[in-house]
Amino acid sequence: MTVSIRLDPLIEQRLENLAHLTGRAKSYYLRELIEGGLDDLEDFYLADATMERVRKGQEAVIDSIEVRRSLGLGD
């Protein structure tokens, strides 16, 4: 898949310098950034979306007492 993005000139220069100094392609580092950061982005934005559903009453919530009881844990 081909994706096109606009980068701030300073960021683009930093990426260019890194690629030049290491002999790797800019695309290599962009892939590394995306693969390494996608888990964090998913965690953040999916959690945020879930919290929004909780606030709106659209997501089931279980309190800690019920969780402990369902796991067979004592008080």
Protein backbone atom coordinates (compact mmCIF):
# COMPACT_ATOMS: atom_id res chain seq x y z
CA MET A 1 0.00 0.00 0.00
CA THR A 2 1.27 3.44 -0.84
CA VAL A 3 0.52 6.31 1.54
CA SER A 4 1.32 9.96 1.11
CA ILE A 5 1.81 12.32 4.08
CA ARG A 6 3.02 15.86 4.56
CA LEU A 7 5.77 16.33 7.11
CA ASP A 8 6.89 19.46 8.88
CA PRO A 9 10.12 20.58 7.17
CA LEU A 10 12.12 20.12 10.39
CA ILE A 11 10.86 16.55 10.80
CA GLU A 12 11.55 15.83 7.15
CA GLN A 13 15.11 17.12 7.54
CA ARG A 14 15.69 14.99 10.63
CA LEU A 15 14.42 11.93 8.78
CA GLU A 16 16.60 12.76 5.79
CA ASN A 17 19.66 13.14 8.05
CA LEU A 18 18.99 9.85 9.81
CA ALA A 19 18.59 8.03 6.51
CA HIS A 20 21.73 9.61 5.09
CA LEU A 21 23.89 8.90 8.16
CA THR A 22 22.76 5.28 8.47
CA GLY A 23 22.48 4.36 4.81
CA ARG A 24 18.89 3.25 5.19
CA ALA A 25 15.87 4.48 3.27
CA LYS A 26 13.51 7.02 4.81
CA SER A 27 10.71 4.53 4.20
CA TYR A 28 12.47 2.04 6.48
CA TYR A 29 12.30 4.46 9.41
CA LEU A 30 8.74 5.48 8.64
CA ARG A 31 7.71 1.79 8.68
CA GLU A 32 9.56 1.33 11.99
CA LEU A 33 7.74 4.31 13.49
CA ILE A 34 4.34 3.13 12.33
CA GLU A 35 4.83 -0.49 13.39
CA GLY A 36 6.30 0.51 16.74
CA GLY A 37 3.73 3.19 17.49
CA LEU A 38 0.55 1.60 16.20
CA ASP A 39 0.06 -0.50 19.37
CA ASP A 40 0.24 2.64 21.50
CA LEU A 41 -2.16 4.54 19.25
CA GLU A 42 -4.64 1.65 19.28
CA ASP A 43 -4.41 1.38 23.07
CA PHE A 44 -5.00 5.09 23.56
CA TYR A 45 -7.74 5.73 21.02
CA LEU A 46 -9.65 2.50 21.59
CA ALA A 47 -9.58 3.08 25.36
CA ASP A 48 -10.73 6.66 24.80
CA ALA A 49 -13.62 5.45 22.61
CA THR A 50 -14.60 2.89 25.27
CA MET A 51 -14.55 5.54 28.00
CA GLU A 52 -16.80 7.74 25.86
CA ARG A 53 -19.29 4.86 25.56
CA VAL A 54 -19.10 4.35 29.34
CA ARG A 55 -19.83 8.06 29.92
CA LYS A 56 -22.84 7.82 27.59
CA GLY A 57 -24.11 4.66 29.32
CA GLN A 58 -23.57 2.58 26.20
CA GLU A 59 -20.92 0.27 27.69
CA ALA A 60 -21.45 -2.27 30.47
CA VAL A 61 -19.51 -1.55 33.66
CA ILE A 62 -18.77 -4.08 36.40
CA ASP A 63 -17.69 -2.84 39.83
CA SER A 64 -14.70 -4.31 41.67
CA ILE A 65 -16.86 -6.12 44.24
CA GLU A 66 -18.62 -8.06 41.49
CA VAL A 67 -15.31 -8.85 39.77
CA ARG A 68 -13.78 -10.15 43.00
CA ARG A 69 -16.91 -12.23 43.68
CA SER A 70 -16.90 -13.70 40.16
CA LEU A 71 -13.23 -14.66 40.59
CA GLY A 72 -13.92 -16.31 43.92
CA LEU A 73 -11.77 -13.83 45.85
CA GLY A 74 -12.55 -12.96 49.44
CA ASP A 75 -13.24 -9.50 50.79
